[in-house]
């Protein structure tokens, strides 16, 4: 199984940016842990980040026939990225929407996800563990016989 993890704007600043919402752990540390966990689950994980909506769309389009699923933290584009929403709807692999914080517990403009209706699922509010839970979800969704042998 091959997965793409795509982070949107400002997530390259994890560990520095608003640690009260996003924690103090750097993306480099989170990515290393995710790659180790993915390998243990038999998953090949590619991690990417882009700060523009168009760049994120280009990455999704390029990966559409190369991956079995996408873990997406769209950042603020979650709430107003209609072009990103259309790109998710246009590609075959399932997408799991992920957030470190719980958007509904924050500012009102974060309460609505325009991408949620075209995603296979959503995991939010568990900090960096949200990414690991998305890995686990994909591992289990591929079939019980494989998920239980890992």
Foldseek 3Di string as FASTA:
>chain_A
DEEEEEEEAPLQVALNPPCVFANNDGPVVLVVVLCVLCVVLVYHYDYYYYHDLVVVLVVLVVCLPPGQEYEYAHDLCQQPVPVSLVSLQPGPHAYEYEEQQDQCVDDPSSNHGPNVVSHPYYFYHNHSVRSVVVSLVVSPVVDPVSSVVD
